[in-house]
Amino acid sequence: MKPCKKNLSIVLAALLALGAGPSITGSPLFRVSRISVEGLRLLETEEIMALSGIAPGANLYEVDLKDAAARIEAHPIVRGARIVRTPPDGVLIAVVERTPLALINLETLCGIDEEGVLIPFHPTFVDLPVITGVTLKVYTLGRPVSEEGLSRCLALLKDARRFAPDLWNQTSEVRPGPDRLILNLVGDGLEVWMKAEDVPAQAEKLRALEAAAKWPTLPSYVDLRFSGQVVVGPPKPRPEDEKAKENLKKKKPLMSEQ
């Protein structure tokens, strides 16, 4: 805060303490004419202003800042909000938005953050990994959800974003299995089996494998779960081979000569 505004705040506080409240709250000098909002990436300034309920022309010292912040925090994308007066006529709203970690396909596509809180879809989420294979019977946007397979997916993606961002950026899909988490990578669609723990070490093994491997046919999977080793599955069937098999099945057997 600038010195002049800081000094003004001190003077106003002193006046209120001395019993000058009625004259201040009734003064036209302290009518809200400036509402500033900071911290937005997904939401619009106008939307936050409307949620706050702070109307231009309201007396600066009659605005209930706690109630206004609570109304803003009710939005599912908002993690927290803080509002301060900037005398003589201003209000500053500082918003902390939730950061999505992945997408999850429920009845509609939603974002989900590290804490398992569901977030309404936003066009900027399109490049996020998608969590599949999870069913939630009850959920509410803006509230955390809990499911064992989902929790394991979130734990892996959280550590990947923090300690192995290249793996997080490569992941197009992750789904839980009984004893593994199955990732599909962008590009060649390589299927990778991982566990939710020791993500940085598993990511390092994948980097080393991708740098060294020159397989003519993509393996059906790569298993990184075991310490000190990588298990590479058999070659993935090629589309043309699968098509040839289907054609053979369709052919009728030749009639034996009588």
Foldseek 3Di string as FASTA:
>chain_A
DDPVQVVVVVVVVVCVVVPVVVVQQPDQQQFADAEAEDADDFDDPVVLVVQLVRDGRHGQVVRDQVSSFVSSLVALQWPGWGWDARPRHYIYIYTHGADFLAWEAAVHIWTAGLQQATHRDDVVRVQFAYEDPDYDPDDDHSDHDDDVFVNLVSLQSVCCVVQPVVVRSQFRYWYDDPQWIWTFGPDPRAIETEGSPPNNVLSVVVVVCVVPDDDPARFNHWYSHDPPDIDTHHGDDDPVVVVVVVVVVPDDDDDDDD
